[in-house]
Amino acid sequence: MKRSENSENTSPAERIVRCPQCGGDSRWSPENPYRPFCSQRCKLIDLGAWASESYRIPAQAPADDPDAGNAGDGGNGISPAGGSPAA
């Protein structure tokens, strides 16, 4: 098999990808311990965002959810303060 002309400086398992943190070029290869990030700095910034819960999916109850109006009682009729349900 003949290798393409533009792949002289990269191995078959290596390619250039975009760093998800800064958008710069990052080598996707076993020699880059920070992949998919370009540097330790970008990797740690992303880790910090996860640790501070900056990456979240907003949770909203569906409109047809019968427990949506009773979020505090868990659907069992018991109030959060431990009181008894209305009879």
Protein backbone atom coordinates (compact mmCIF):
# COMPACT_ATOMS: atom_id res chain seq x y z
CA MET A 1 0.00 0.00 0.00
CA LYS A 2 1.18 3.47 -0.84
CA ARG A 3 0.91 6.21 1.76
CA SER A 4 -0.41 9.58 0.69
CA GLU A 5 2.01 12.47 0.25
CA ASN A 6 0.56 14.61 3.08
CA SER A 7 0.92 11.90 5.72
CA GLU A 8 4.73 11.84 5.80
CA ASN A 9 4.94 13.46 9.26
CA THR A 10 2.18 11.46 10.91
CA SER A 11 1.86 7.78 11.68
CA PRO A 12 -1.20 5.84 10.50
CA ALA A 13 -2.67 5.91 14.04
CA GLU A 14 -2.11 9.65 14.45
CA ARG A 15 -4.32 12.46 13.24
CA ILE A 16 -4.93 16.10 14.03
CA VAL A 17 -8.19 16.89 15.83
CA ARG A 18 -9.63 20.06 17.34
CA CYS A 19 -9.08 20.53 21.09
CA PRO A 20 -12.55 20.60 22.71
CA GLN A 21 -11.47 23.29 25.17
CA CYS A 22 -9.51 25.88 23.17
CA GLY A 23 -10.23 24.83 19.60
CA GLY A 24 -6.56 24.51 18.70
CA ASP A 25 -4.89 21.60 16.94
CA SER A 26 -4.33 18.48 19.00
CA ARG A 27 -2.58 15.27 18.00
CA TRP A 28 -4.69 12.18 18.47
CA SER A 29 -1.98 9.62 19.10
CA PRO A 30 -0.61 7.48 21.92
CA GLU A 31 2.21 10.02 22.33
CA ASN A 32 -0.28 12.71 23.45
CA PRO A 33 -1.24 11.84 27.06
CA TYR A 34 -3.82 14.66 27.10
CA ARG A 35 -5.86 13.59 24.07
CA PRO A 36 -8.35 14.75 22.95
CA PHE A 37 -6.99 17.95 24.54
CA CYS A 38 -3.90 19.75 23.26
CA SER A 39 -2.30 20.28 26.69
CA GLN A 40 -2.54 19.53 30.37
CA ARG A 41 -3.92 23.04 30.88
CA CYS A 42 -6.93 22.41 28.61
CA LYS A 43 -7.51 19.01 30.20
CA LEU A 44 -7.53 20.51 33.71
CA ILE A 45 -9.84 23.37 32.69
CA ASP A 46 -12.32 20.78 31.41
CA LEU A 47 -11.96 18.66 34.54
CA GLY A 48 -12.65 21.74 36.66
CA ALA A 49 -15.81 22.46 34.68
CA TRP A 50 -17.04 18.93 35.33
CA ALA A 51 -16.12 19.15 39.04
CA SER A 52 -17.99 22.45 39.47
CA GLU A 53 -20.99 20.97 37.62
CA SER A 54 -20.80 23.53 34.83
CA TYR A 55 -21.75 20.79 32.37
CA ARG A 56 -25.38 19.96 33.17
CA ILE A 57 -28.43 18.84 31.31
CA PRO A 58 -31.40 20.89 32.51
CA ALA A 59 -34.01 18.60 34.03
CA GLN A 60 -37.64 19.41 33.45
CA ALA A 61 -40.55 17.11 34.20
CA PRO A 62 -42.66 16.27 31.16
CA ALA A 63 -46.05 18.02 31.06
CA ASP A 64 -47.92 14.70 31.23
CA ASP A 65 -45.98 13.49 34.31
CA PRO A 66 -48.49 12.94 37.17
CA ASP A 67 -45.77 13.54 39.79
CA ALA A 68 -44.71 16.88 38.32
CA GLY A 69 -46.92 18.83 40.72
CA ASN A 70 -45.93 16.72 43.73
CA ALA A 71 -42.16 16.95 43.46
CA GLY A 72 -41.73 17.10 47.23
CA ASP A 73 -43.58 13.93 48.16
CA GLY A 74 -41.96 11.52 45.72
CA GLY A 75 -45.37 10.30 44.60
CA ASN A 76 -46.05 8.42 47.86
CA GLY A 77 -48.40 10.96 49.50
CA ILE A 78 -46.02 11.74 52.36
CA SER A 79 -44.99 15.35 52.72
CA PRO A 80 -41.25 16.22 52.90
CA ALA A 81 -41.60 17.40 56.51
CA GLY A 82 -42.78 13.92 57.58
CA GLY A 83 -46.42 14.93 58.08
CA SER A 84 -49.32 12.71 57.17
CA PRO A 85 -51.12 12.99 53.84
CA ALA A 86 -54.47 14.72 53.72
CA ALA A 87 -57.32 12.28 54.17
